[in-house]
Amino acid sequence: MKLAVSGKGGVGKTTFAALLIRTLSDQGKKVLAIDADPDANLAAGLGIEGADRIVPIAEMKELVLERTGANPDTIGGYFKLNPRVDDLPDALSARLGNIKFMRLGGVKKGGSGCICPESTLLRALVMHIVLRRDE
């Protein structure tokens, strides 16, 4: 089962998602929770210790370089549009019981955008999770 929670700001999406995730986990289901909100608070809502220290994947410059072949701090150039991501959910998740948690991050500076190494890595990761993972 795959679920996404989206909508207008300030209506309780994070609270609802945290309650749903904890309920599914309490029922013994394995849950992969992904915070894709620019104002990321889901880890704190889930009660994950050290939530403020979780580095968003988009900000992991060495990982972006390793997987896409491009330095995130440069503009232009070539990079892989299909980076390997199948190991990332297990390798980069914070864990709390049956819950694996990932924080994606987002574009924070001018010059980045839809076709940048960070976005390409995140898009490939989300596509892998939606199409191939069973959580």
C-alpha atoms as a PDB file:
ATOM      1  CA  MET A   1       0.000   0.000   0.000  1.00  0.00           C
ATOM      2  CA  LYS A   2       1.313   3.436  -0.929  1.00  0.00           C
ATOM      3  CA  LEU A   3      -0.189   6.604   0.561  1.00  0.00           C
ATOM      4  CA  ALA A   4       0.656  10.260   0.070  1.00  0.00           C
ATOM      5  CA  VAL A   5      -0.686  13.091   2.194  1.00  0.00           C
ATOM      6  CA  SER A   6      -0.867  16.469   0.479  1.00  0.00           C
ATOM      7  CA  GLY A   7      -2.938  19.618   0.566  1.00  0.00           C
ATOM      8  CA  LYS A   8      -3.150  23.211   1.679  1.00  0.00           C
ATOM      9  CA  GLY A   9      -0.657  24.438   4.260  1.00  0.00           C
ATOM     10  CA  GLY A  10      -1.567  24.487   7.929  1.00  0.00           C
ATOM     11  CA  VAL A  11      -4.389  21.939   7.831  1.00  0.00           C
ATOM     12  CA  GLY A  12      -2.695  19.155   9.807  1.00  0.00           C
ATOM     13  CA  LYS A  13      -1.073  16.990   7.131  1.00  0.00           C
ATOM     14  CA  THR A  14       2.004  16.251   9.248  1.00  0.00           C
ATOM     15  CA  THR A  15      -0.079  15.422  12.318  1.00  0.00           C
ATOM     16  CA  PHE A  16      -2.391  13.169  10.303  1.00  0.00           C
ATOM     17  CA  ALA A  17       0.546  11.453   8.584  1.00  0.00           C
ATOM     18  CA  ALA A  18       2.343  10.858  11.905  1.00  0.00           C
ATOM     19  CA  LEU A  19      -0.794   9.347  13.472  1.00  0.00           C
ATOM     20  CA  LEU A  20      -1.398   7.126  10.440  1.00  0.00           C
ATOM     21  CA  ILE A  21       2.232   5.973  10.346  1.00  0.00           C
ATOM     22  CA  ARG A  22       2.276   5.146  14.063  1.00  0.00           C
ATOM     23  CA  THR A  23      -1.077   3.305  13.780  1.00  0.00           C
ATOM     24  CA  LEU A  24       0.139   1.167  10.875  1.00  0.00           C
ATOM     25  CA  SER A  25       3.392   0.463  12.714  1.00  0.00           C
ATOM     26  CA  ASP A  26       1.499  -0.494  15.883  1.00  0.00           C
ATOM     27  CA  GLN A  27      -0.491  -2.968  13.750  1.00  0.00           C
ATOM     28  CA  GLY A  28       2.791  -4.670  12.846  1.00  0.00           C
ATOM     29  CA  LYS A  29       3.119  -3.228   9.354  1.00  0.00           C
ATOM     30  CA  LYS A  30       6.488  -2.103   8.021  1.00  0.00           C
ATOM     31  CA  VAL A  31       6.289   1.575   7.133  1.00  0.00           C
ATOM     32  CA  LEU A  32       8.639   3.708   5.052  1.00  0.00           C
ATOM     33  CA  ALA A  33       7.806   7.316   5.954  1.00  0.00           C
ATOM     34  CA  ILE A  34       9.127  10.030   3.650  1.00  0.00           C
ATOM     35  CA  ASP A  35       9.095  13.700   4.578  1.00  0.00           C
ATOM     36  CA  ALA A  36       9.088  15.711   1.358  1.00  0.00           C
ATOM     37  CA  ASP A  37       7.791  18.897   2.988  1.00  0.00           C
ATOM     38  CA  PRO A  38      10.116  21.920   2.747  1.00  0.00           C
ATOM     39  CA  ASP A  39       9.135  22.637   6.378  1.00  0.00           C
ATOM     40  CA  ALA A  40      10.100  19.120   7.492  1.00  0.00           C
ATOM     41  CA  ASN A  41       8.638  18.179  10.876  1.00  0.00           C
ATOM     42  CA  LEU A  42       7.439  14.604  10.388  1.00  0.00           C
ATOM     43  CA  ALA A  43      10.373  13.014  12.239  1.00  0.00           C
ATOM     44  CA  ALA A  44       9.604  15.083  15.324  1.00  0.00           C
ATOM     45  CA  GLY A  45       5.913  14.213  14.984  1.00  0.00           C
ATOM     46  CA  LEU A  46       6.827  10.533  14.938  1.00  0.00           C
ATOM     47  CA  GLY A  47       9.001  10.908  18.030  1.00  0.00           C
ATOM     48  CA  ILE A  48      12.267  10.022  16.327  1.00  0.00           C
ATOM     49  CA  GLU A  49      15.164  10.973  18.596  1.00  0.00           C
ATOM     50  CA  GLY A  50      17.626  13.407  17.065  1.00  0.00           C
ATOM     51  CA  ALA A  51      15.085  14.450  14.421  1.00  0.00           C
ATOM     52  CA  ASP A  52      16.750  17.846  14.069  1.00  0.00           C
ATOM     53  CA  ARG A  53      20.041  16.169  13.111  1.00  0.00           C
ATOM     54  CA  ILE A  54      18.640  14.157  10.177  1.00  0.00           C
ATOM     55  CA  VAL A  55      20.293  15.474   7.018  1.00  0.00           C
ATOM     56  CA  PRO A  56      17.972  15.762   4.005  1.00  0.00           C
ATOM     57  CA  ILE A  57      19.097  13.597   1.086  1.00  0.00           C
ATOM     58  CA  ALA A  58      19.158  16.628  -1.237  1.00  0.00           C
ATOM     59  CA  GLU A  59      21.839  18.153   1.025  1.00  0.00           C
ATOM     60  CA  MET A  60      24.125  15.086   0.981  1.00  0.00           C
ATOM     61  CA  LYS A  61      26.565  16.562  -1.526  1.00  0.00           C
ATOM     62  CA  GLU A  62      28.957  13.595  -1.574  1.00  0.00           C
ATOM     63  CA  LEU A  63      26.068  11.192  -2.208  1.00  0.00           C
ATOM     64  CA  VAL A  64      24.692  13.380  -5.010  1.00  0.00           C
ATOM     65  CA  LEU A  65      28.162  13.535  -6.604  1.00  0.00           C
ATOM     66  CA  GLU A  66      28.715   9.782  -6.202  1.00  0.00           C
ATOM     67  CA  ARG A  67      25.346   8.829  -7.685  1.00  0.00           C
ATOM     68  CA  THR A  68      24.887  11.453 -10.415  1.00  0.00           C
ATOM     69  CA  GLY A  69      28.485  12.284 -11.281  1.00  0.00           C
ATOM     70  CA  ALA A  70      27.838  16.006 -10.808  1.00  0.00           C
ATOM     71  CA  ASN A  71      28.860  18.403  -8.075  1.00  0.00           C
ATOM     72  CA  PRO A  72      25.687  19.969  -6.639  1.00  0.00           C
ATOM     73  CA  ASP A  73      27.457  23.324  -6.239  1.00  0.00           C
ATOM     74  CA  THR A  74      28.077  23.749  -9.971  1.00  0.00           C
ATOM     75  CA  ILE A  75      25.745  24.874 -12.719  1.00  0.00           C
ATOM     76  CA  GLY A  76      25.581  23.170 -16.087  1.00  0.00           C
ATOM     77  CA  GLY A  77      27.423  20.095 -17.225  1.00  0.00           C
ATOM     78  CA  TYR A  78      26.395  16.499 -17.606  1.00  0.00           C
ATOM     79  CA  PHE A  79      25.065  14.086 -15.008  1.00  0.00           C
ATOM     80  CA  LYS A  80      23.294  10.745 -14.809  1.00  0.00           C
ATOM     81  CA  LEU A  81      19.531  10.928 -15.142  1.00  0.00           C
ATOM     82  CA  ASN A  82      19.077   7.391 -13.787  1.00  0.00           C
ATOM     83  CA  PRO A  83      21.305   7.126 -10.708  1.00  0.00           C
ATOM     84  CA  ARG A  84      21.364   3.969  -8.597  1.00  0.00           C
ATOM     85  CA  VAL A  85      19.010   4.431  -5.640  1.00  0.00           C
ATOM     86  CA  ASP A  86      17.801   0.938  -4.696  1.00  0.00           C
ATOM     87  CA  ASP A  87      20.011   0.799  -1.596  1.00  0.00           C
ATOM     88  CA  LEU A  88      19.184   4.256  -0.248  1.00  0.00           C
ATOM     89  CA  PRO A  89      15.937   3.522   1.656  1.00  0.00           C
ATOM     90  CA  ASP A  90      17.708   0.911   3.781  1.00  0.00           C
ATOM     91  CA  ALA A  91      21.040   2.745   4.052  1.00  0.00           C
ATOM     92  CA  LEU A  92      19.777   6.244   4.848  1.00  0.00           C
ATOM     93  CA  SER A  93      16.662   5.668   6.956  1.00  0.00           C
ATOM     94  CA  ALA A  94      16.316   6.600  10.602  1.00  0.00           C
ATOM     95  CA  ARG A  95      14.496   3.793  12.404  1.00  0.00           C
ATOM     96  CA  LEU A  96      11.829   3.661  15.072  1.00  0.00           C
ATOM     97  CA  GLY A  97      10.329   0.201  15.553  1.00  0.00           C
ATOM     98  CA  ASN A  98       8.690  -0.855  12.264  1.00  0.00           C
ATOM     99  CA  ILE A  99       9.154   2.641  10.856  1.00  0.00           C
ATOM    100  CA  LYS A 100      11.934   3.680   8.480  1.00  0.00           C
ATOM    101  CA  PHE A 101      12.100   7.436   8.007  1.00  0.00           C
ATOM    102  CA  MET A 102      13.689   9.475   5.206  1.00  0.00           C
ATOM    103  CA  ARG A 103      13.848  13.253   4.756  1.00  0.00           C
ATOM    104  CA  LEU A 104      14.149  14.258   1.104  1.00  0.00           C
ATOM    105  CA  GLY A 105      14.841  17.998   1.291  1.00  0.00           C
ATOM    106  CA  GLY A 106      14.361  20.408  -1.570  1.00  0.00           C
ATOM    107  CA  VAL A 107      15.745  23.199  -3.701  1.00  0.00           C
ATOM    108  CA  LYS A 108      17.140  25.991  -1.527  1.00  0.00           C
ATOM    109  CA  LYS A 109      19.112  28.240  -3.866  1.00  0.00           C
ATOM    110  CA  GLY A 110      18.849  29.948  -7.211  1.00  0.00           C
ATOM    111  CA  GLY A 111      20.327  27.982 -10.098  1.00  0.00           C
ATOM    112  CA  SER A 112      18.857  24.749  -8.849  1.00  0.00           C
ATOM    113  CA  GLY A 113      15.552  23.534 -10.111  1.00  0.00           C
ATOM    114  CA  CYS A 114      13.780  20.744 -11.859  1.00  0.00           C
ATOM    115  CA  ILE A 115      16.786  19.472 -13.776  1.00  0.00           C
ATOM    116  CA  CYS A 116      19.632  19.494 -11.294  1.00  0.00           C
ATOM    117  CA  PRO A 117      21.589  16.589  -9.800  1.00  0.00           C
ATOM    118  CA  GLU A 118      19.776  16.799  -6.444  1.00  0.00           C
ATOM    119  CA  SER A 119      16.304  16.757  -7.997  1.00  0.00           C
ATOM    120  CA  THR A 120      17.291  13.951 -10.353  1.00  0.00           C
ATOM    121  CA  LEU A 121      18.477  11.804  -7.444  1.00  0.00           C
ATOM    122  CA  LEU A 122      15.309  12.505  -5.421  1.00  0.00           C
ATOM    123  CA  ARG A 123      13.045  11.791  -8.404  1.00  0.00           C
ATOM    124  CA  ALA A 124      14.778   8.466  -9.067  1.00  0.00           C
ATOM    125  CA  LEU A 125      14.509   7.570  -5.374  1.00  0.00           C
ATOM    126  CA  VAL A 126      10.783   8.342  -5.185  1.00  0.00           C
ATOM    127  CA  MET A 127      10.114   6.417  -8.412  1.00  0.00           C
ATOM    128  CA  HIS A 128      12.011   3.410  -7.021  1.00  0.00           C
ATOM    129  CA  ILE A 129      10.044   3.530  -3.772  1.00  0.00           C
ATOM    130  CA  VAL A 130       6.677   3.873  -5.517  1.00  0.00           C
ATOM    131  CA  LEU A 131       7.291   1.221  -8.160  1.00  0.00           C
ATOM    132  CA  ARG A 132       9.552  -1.347  -6.502  1.00  0.00           C
ATOM    133  CA  ARG A 133       9.438  -1.192  -2.688  1.00  0.00           C
ATOM    134  CA  ASP A 134       6.865  -3.157  -0.694  1.00  0.00           C
ATOM    135  CA  GLU A 135       6.411  -0.899   2.327  1.00  0.00           C
END
